[in-house]
Amino acid sequence: MLYDNHNETRLTNIYDEPRLNVKKVAIFITSVVSCFIILVGSFVLSYNKISKPVQDTEYVAAEPTDVQAVAGEEKTLKTAHVQIAKHSAERIKSKFIPEYNENAQEEIKNLYYSTEKVAYLTFDDGPSATITPQILDILKNENVPATFFVVGARVNMYPNLVKRAYEEGHYIANHGYSHSYSKIYRSVDTIFGEYVDCENAVRAALGIEDYRMYLFRYPGGSSGGKYSDVKAESKSVLNSYGVSHTNWNCMTGDAEGKNTVEDQLNELKLTMEGDDTIVVLMHDASDKQVTVEALPEVIRYLREQGYVFKNFYEIF
């Protein structure tokens, strides 16, 4: 289970006797010391809730069998797009380490009702050696921040791309480890386990042992469908560990068969209608070359409409 239950320790009244009882005094002192140790231990445990993999749970760690490398990706990765200037340690510490925000879930919810013209560009299912570098190049040239919801198994394949995205100021968020619905949604424990496995993969890629992501996007969305009940049950559990979730209110349709730049731009316009702040769903998987081609047009159009670009560092 995800929780440990602790019984409260009741102290007996050592003043029931009219005279000093050495044995009872010793018991009292021992009890006080024990309570102090328990309180300190509880504080440390709560502070580091998600800094290590979940112990004593029923989930089985996901294997990356559902996320395969695409032919040519490794060659592409070795030949281009991975050399960048690194930020100083001070800048990384001050700007690029997400911080826990106890009001994060409410603030994310409020984004969808905001009247500010802000666009959060988000990319799911990466990294991929063929697409992610091109997207990063465009974002860098346009000076646009974005959020990448990464898949842990692919982080292990291409850690340098995750590190590049991070060092260029993009928010690295969590999309589970395997992206296999049958693995992720077996239970609440497996959902949390996939979150932790992905987070550990990102920590290894970045070389930051205590890095926390705080933000999860459920594969397939956070509600509806075959796994609706277990998704709903898991939200409060994730939140108890400081993890918030978000969906989207706008998309280019790059995962719904929109296979031309014109179609993706039209889908963006259609789905953003009526919203001021938009969370745009796109993908940087290896088959999303049209997304690369559409991205400059997406950025250009949103700027023409008066949008500014932010990522989830605005909340964490």
Protein backbone atom coordinates (compact mmCIF):
# COMPACT_ATOMS: atom_id res chain seq x y z
CA MET A 1 0.00 0.00 0.00
CA LEU A 2 1.05 3.62 -0.43
CA TYR A 3 0.46 4.57 3.16
CA ASP A 4 1.86 3.51 6.53
CA ASN A 5 -0.50 3.73 9.51
CA HIS A 6 1.01 4.73 12.84
CA ASN A 7 -0.79 4.13 16.15
CA GLU A 8 -0.73 7.07 18.52
CA THR A 9 1.37 6.50 21.63
CA ARG A 10 -0.51 7.25 24.86
CA LEU A 11 1.59 8.46 27.81
CA THR A 12 0.53 7.26 31.25
CA ASN A 13 0.33 9.86 34.01
CA ILE A 14 3.45 9.48 36.12
CA TYR A 15 1.94 11.62 38.87
CA ASP A 16 -0.66 9.08 39.97
CA GLU A 17 1.65 8.01 42.79
CA PRO A 18 2.35 10.26 45.79
CA ARG A 19 6.10 9.62 45.62
CA LEU A 20 8.74 9.57 42.93
CA ASN A 21 8.81 6.25 41.13
CA VAL A 22 12.16 5.77 39.37
CA LYS A 23 10.83 3.04 37.10
CA LYS A 24 7.93 5.18 35.92
CA VAL A 25 10.22 8.19 35.39
CA ALA A 26 12.46 6.03 33.22
CA ILE A 27 9.45 4.83 31.23
CA PHE A 28 8.26 8.39 30.78
CA ILE A 29 11.65 9.62 29.55
CA THR A 30 11.90 6.68 27.17
CA SER A 31 8.43 7.41 25.82
CA VAL A 32 9.22 11.08 25.27
CA VAL A 33 12.42 10.27 23.42
CA SER A 34 10.60 7.67 21.30
CA CYS A 35 7.86 10.17 20.40
CA PHE A 36 10.47 12.74 19.43
CA ILE A 37 12.23 10.24 17.16
CA ILE A 38 8.89 9.26 15.56
CA LEU A 39 7.96 12.90 14.95
CA VAL A 40 11.33 13.71 13.37
CA GLY A 41 11.17 10.55 11.29
CA SER A 42 7.65 11.37 10.11
CA PHE A 43 8.71 14.86 9.07
CA VAL A 44 11.69 13.54 7.09
CA LEU A 45 9.52 10.86 5.48
CA SER A 46 6.84 13.35 4.42
CA TYR A 47 9.45 15.75 3.03
CA ASN A 48 10.99 13.01 0.93
CA LYS A 49 7.81 11.20 -0.04
CA ILE A 50 8.53 10.89 -3.70
CA SER A 51 12.29 11.23 -3.73
CA LYS A 52 12.70 7.45 -3.84
CA PRO A 53 10.76 4.64 -5.50
CA VAL A 54 7.69 3.45 -3.63
CA GLN A 55 8.49 0.58 -1.29
CA ASP A 56 6.28 -2.36 -0.34
CA THR A 57 3.71 -1.70 -3.04
CA GLU A 58 2.00 -4.30 -5.15
CA TYR A 59 3.01 -2.81 -8.50
CA VAL A 60 5.55 -4.38 -10.80
CA ALA A 61 7.97 -1.90 -12.32
CA ALA A 62 7.16 -1.34 -15.96
CA GLU A 63 9.55 -2.65 -18.57
CA PRO A 64 10.25 -0.57 -21.69
CA THR A 65 8.92 -3.30 -23.99
CA ASP A 66 6.11 -1.06 -25.23
CA VAL A 67 8.40 1.78 -26.26
CA GLN A 68 10.74 0.75 -29.03
CA ALA A 69 13.51 2.68 -30.74
CA VAL A 70 12.76 3.54 -34.35
CA ALA A 71 15.22 2.56 -37.06
CA GLY A 72 17.66 5.39 -37.69
CA GLU A 73 16.98 7.24 -34.42
CA GLU A 74 20.26 6.30 -32.77
CA LYS A 75 22.27 7.35 -35.82
CA THR A 76 20.43 10.67 -35.95
CA LEU A 77 21.03 11.24 -32.25
CA LYS A 78 24.78 10.76 -32.62
CA THR A 79 25.17 13.13 -35.54
CA ALA A 80 23.25 16.28 -34.66
CA HIS A 81 21.42 18.58 -32.27
CA VAL A 82 22.89 17.52 -28.93
CA GLN A 83 25.65 20.06 -28.29
CA ILE A 84 24.49 23.19 -26.44
CA ALA A 85 25.87 25.69 -23.98
CA LYS A 86 25.04 24.82 -20.39
CA HIS A 87 23.63 27.20 -17.84
CA SER A 88 25.69 28.05 -14.80
CA ALA A 89 24.97 26.13 -11.61
CA GLU A 90 23.48 29.26 -10.05
CA ARG A 91 21.07 29.79 -12.94
CA ILE A 92 19.95 26.18 -12.93
CA LYS A 93 19.35 26.32 -9.21
CA SER A 94 17.44 29.58 -9.32
CA LYS A 95 15.32 29.05 -12.43
CA PHE A 96 15.17 25.44 -13.51
CA ILE A 97 14.47 23.44 -10.36
CA PRO A 98 10.69 23.02 -9.95
CA GLU A 99 9.43 23.86 -6.50
CA TYR A 100 6.53 22.30 -4.62
CA ASN A 101 3.36 24.40 -4.73
CA GLU A 102 0.56 23.27 -2.44
CA ASN A 103 -1.95 25.24 -4.55
CA ALA A 104 -0.72 23.90 -7.88
CA GLN A 105 -3.77 21.81 -8.76
CA GLU A 106 -6.11 24.73 -8.16
CA GLU A 107 -3.87 27.07 -10.16
CA ILE A 108 -3.78 24.61 -13.06
CA LYS A 109 -7.57 24.36 -12.97
CA ASN A 110 -7.83 28.15 -13.02
CA LEU A 111 -5.73 28.34 -16.20
CA TYR A 112 -8.70 27.07 -18.17
CA TYR A 113 -10.82 30.00 -16.97
CA SER A 114 -8.17 32.70 -17.25
CA THR A 115 -8.77 35.73 -19.46
CA GLU A 116 -5.04 36.22 -20.11
CA LYS A 117 -3.87 35.33 -23.61
CA VAL A 118 -1.23 32.76 -22.68
CA ALA A 119 -0.25 29.66 -24.65
CA TYR A 120 1.33 26.64 -22.98
CA LEU A 121 2.83 24.49 -25.73
CA THR A 122 3.09 20.87 -24.56
CA PHE A 123 4.66 17.85 -26.23
CA ASP A 124 3.87 14.25 -25.23
CA ASP A 125 5.43 10.82 -25.81
CA GLY A 126 9.08 11.77 -26.39
CA PRO A 127 11.89 12.13 -26.52
CA SER A 128 12.68 10.83 -29.99
CA ALA A 129 15.97 11.29 -31.75
CA THR A 130 14.38 12.31 -35.05
CA ILE A 131 11.70 14.79 -33.93
CA THR A 132 12.61 16.20 -30.51
CA PRO A 133 15.84 17.90 -31.69
CA GLN A 134 14.01 19.65 -34.53
CA ILE A 135 11.32 20.89 -32.14
CA LEU A 136 13.98 22.11 -29.72
CA ASP A 137 15.73 23.96 -32.55
CA ILE A 138 12.50 25.74 -33.50
CA LEU A 139 11.65 26.65 -29.90
CA LYS A 140 15.18 27.98 -29.39
CA ASN A 141 15.10 30.05 -32.58
CA GLU A 142 11.68 31.45 -31.68
CA ASN A 143 12.60 31.96 -28.01
CA VAL A 144 9.49 30.02 -26.93
CA PRO A 145 9.35 27.98 -23.70
CA ALA A 146 7.46 24.69 -23.72
CA THR A 147 6.62 21.72 -21.52
CA PHE A 148 7.65 18.17 -22.42
CA PHE A 149 5.63 15.29 -20.93
CA VAL A 150 8.26 12.60 -21.30
CA VAL A 151 7.94 8.80 -21.28
CA GLY A 152 10.44 7.26 -18.87
CA ALA A 153 11.51 4.39 -21.13
CA ARG A 154 12.36 6.86 -23.88
CA VAL A 155 14.21 9.08 -21.41
CA ASN A 156 16.46 6.09 -20.75
CA MET A 157 17.03 5.72 -24.50
CA TYR A 158 17.85 9.40 -25.15
CA PRO A 159 18.89 11.10 -21.89
CA ASN A 160 20.91 13.79 -23.71
CA LEU A 161 17.77 15.11 -25.36
CA VAL A 162 16.00 15.42 -22.01
CA LYS A 163 19.01 17.20 -20.61
CA ARG A 164 19.10 19.54 -23.59
CA ALA A 165 15.41 20.41 -23.22
CA TYR A 166 15.90 21.03 -19.51
CA GLU A 167 19.01 23.16 -19.96
CA GLU A 168 17.28 25.28 -22.60
CA GLY A 169 14.63 26.22 -20.05
CA HIS A 170 11.79 23.87 -20.93
CA TYR A 171 9.74 22.19 -18.21
CA ILE A 172 10.20 18.42 -18.00
CA ALA A 173 6.94 16.82 -16.86
CA ASN A 174 5.85 13.22 -16.33
CA HIS A 175 3.91 10.99 -18.75
CA GLY A 176 4.55 7.66 -17.05
CA TYR A 177 7.20 5.09 -17.83
CA SER A 178 5.84 2.68 -20.42
CA HIS A 179 2.90 4.46 -22.07
CA SER A 180 1.20 1.06 -22.03
CA TYR A 181 -2.35 1.53 -20.75
CA SER A 182 -2.62 -2.08 -19.59
CA LYS A 183 0.46 -1.64 -17.41
CA ILE A 184 -0.19 1.85 -16.13
CA TYR A 185 -3.85 1.40 -15.23
CA ARG A 186 -3.82 -1.97 -13.47
CA SER A 187 -4.24 -0.18 -10.13
CA VAL A 188 -3.59 3.04 -8.26
CA ASP A 189 -0.24 1.61 -7.20
CA THR A 190 0.85 0.96 -10.79
CA ILE A 191 -0.07 4.50 -11.79
CA PHE A 192 2.06 5.86 -8.97
CA GLY A 193 4.79 3.36 -9.74
CA GLU A 194 4.96 4.49 -13.35
CA TYR A 195 5.18 8.09 -12.18
CA VAL A 196 8.09 7.25 -9.89
CA ASP A 197 9.88 5.16 -12.55
CA CYS A 198 9.65 8.05 -15.01
CA GLU A 199 10.84 10.55 -12.43
CA ASN A 200 13.84 8.37 -11.58
CA ALA A 201 14.72 8.13 -15.28
CA VAL A 202 14.64 11.94 -15.54
CA ARG A 203 16.79 12.30 -12.44
CA ALA A 204 19.38 10.00 -13.95
CA ALA A 205 19.28 11.86 -17.28
CA LEU A 206 19.73 15.25 -15.61
CA GLY A 207 22.21 14.06 -13.01
CA ILE A 208 20.15 15.69 -10.26
CA GLU A 209 19.47 13.11 -7.56
CA ASP A 210 16.64 14.93 -5.77
CA TYR A 211 14.94 16.40 -8.87
CA ARG A 212 11.14 16.36 -8.64
CA MET A 213 8.70 16.91 -11.48
CA TYR A 214 5.42 17.56 -9.60
CA LEU A 215 3.33 17.40 -12.80
CA PHE A 216 1.74 14.35 -14.44
CA ARG A 217 -0.26 13.92 -17.61
CA TYR A 218 -2.28 10.72 -17.72
CA PRO A 219 -1.74 8.85 -21.01
CA GLY A 220 -5.07 9.20 -22.78
CA GLY A 221 -6.22 11.98 -20.45
CA SER A 222 -7.17 12.04 -16.78
CA SER A 223 -10.79 10.92 -17.14
CA GLY A 224 -13.14 8.87 -19.27
CA GLY A 225 -12.64 5.62 -21.08
CA LYS A 226 -12.05 2.10 -19.84
CA TYR A 227 -9.81 3.16 -16.95
CA SER A 228 -11.85 6.10 -15.68
CA ASP A 229 -12.41 4.69 -12.17
CA VAL A 230 -8.78 3.93 -11.38
CA LYS A 231 -7.71 7.30 -12.79
CA ALA A 232 -10.20 9.08 -10.55
CA GLU A 233 -9.06 7.12 -7.50
CA SER A 234 -5.40 7.83 -8.18
CA LYS A 235 -5.72 11.62 -8.34
CA SER A 236 -6.01 12.12 -4.58
CA VAL A 237 -3.12 9.72 -3.99
CA LEU A 238 -0.84 11.56 -6.40
CA ASN A 239 -1.91 14.87 -4.91
CA SER A 240 -1.05 13.64 -1.42
CA TYR A 241 2.52 13.26 -2.67
CA GLY A 242 2.57 16.78 -4.11
CA VAL A 243 1.86 15.65 -7.68
CA SER A 244 -0.63 17.61 -9.79
CA HIS A 245 -2.04 16.66 -13.19
CA THR A 246 -3.17 18.52 -16.27
CA ASN A 247 -4.92 17.78 -19.55
CA TRP A 248 -5.32 20.27 -22.44
CA ASN A 249 -7.98 22.47 -23.98
CA CYS A 250 -6.47 22.86 -27.43
CA MET A 251 -4.69 20.58 -29.90
CA THR A 252 -3.22 20.38 -33.37
CA GLY A 253 -4.65 16.91 -33.93
CA ASP A 254 -1.25 15.40 -34.71
CA ALA A 255 -2.36 12.18 -33.01
CA GLU A 256 -5.83 12.24 -34.56
CA GLY A 257 -4.94 11.94 -38.23
CA LYS A 258 -4.24 15.60 -39.04
CA ASN A 259 -1.37 14.95 -41.41
CA THR A 260 -0.82 18.27 -43.13
CA VAL A 261 0.33 21.63 -41.80
CA GLU A 262 -2.94 23.18 -42.93
CA ASP A 263 -5.01 20.55 -41.13
CA GLN A 264 -3.06 20.94 -37.90
CA LEU A 265 -3.33 24.73 -37.97
CA ASN A 266 -7.08 24.49 -38.62
CA GLU A 267 -7.47 22.07 -35.72
CA LEU A 268 -5.62 24.49 -33.46
CA LYS A 269 -7.94 27.34 -34.46
CA LEU A 270 -11.03 25.19 -34.00
CA THR A 271 -10.13 23.83 -30.57
CA MET A 272 -8.83 27.09 -29.10
CA GLU A 273 -12.04 28.95 -29.97
CA GLY A 274 -13.62 30.50 -26.90
CA ASP A 275 -10.53 30.13 -24.69
CA ASP A 276 -7.99 32.77 -23.75
CA THR A 277 -5.35 30.74 -21.92
CA ILE A 278 -4.69 27.58 -23.91
CA VAL A 279 -2.80 24.37 -23.11
CA VAL A 280 -1.89 23.01 -26.54
CA LEU A 281 -1.45 19.26 -27.00
CA MET A 282 1.20 18.15 -29.49
CA HIS A 283 3.60 15.22 -29.71
CA ASP A 284 7.32 14.73 -30.33
CA ALA A 285 7.24 11.00 -31.07
CA SER A 286 9.30 9.75 -34.00
CA ASP A 287 6.41 9.79 -36.53
CA LYS A 288 5.50 13.47 -36.02
CA GLN A 289 7.43 15.20 -38.80
CA VAL A 290 4.33 17.18 -39.77
CA THR A 291 4.25 18.54 -36.21
CA VAL A 292 7.76 19.89 -36.79
CA GLU A 293 6.63 21.53 -40.01
CA ALA A 294 3.49 22.97 -38.42
CA LEU A 295 5.14 24.31 -35.26
CA PRO A 296 6.52 27.57 -36.76
CA GLU A 297 3.08 28.29 -38.20
CA VAL A 298 1.44 27.56 -34.83
CA ILE A 299 3.82 29.96 -33.08
CA ARG A 300 3.38 32.63 -35.75
CA TYR A 301 -0.43 32.43 -35.62
CA LEU A 302 -0.61 32.57 -31.83
CA ARG A 303 1.67 35.60 -31.75
CA GLU A 304 -0.52 37.32 -34.32
CA GLN A 305 -3.47 36.70 -32.01
CA GLY A 306 -1.65 38.39 -29.12
CA TYR A 307 -0.57 35.31 -27.17
CA VAL A 308 2.54 35.08 -25.00
CA PHE A 309 4.19 31.74 -24.34
CA LYS A 310 4.83 30.22 -20.93
CA ASN A 311 5.55 26.82 -19.46
CA PHE A 312 4.73 25.21 -16.13
CA TYR A 313 7.61 26.86 -14.31
CA GLU A 314 4.98 29.57 -13.91
CA ILE A 315 3.31 27.30 -11.33
CA PHE A 316 6.16 25.18 -9.93
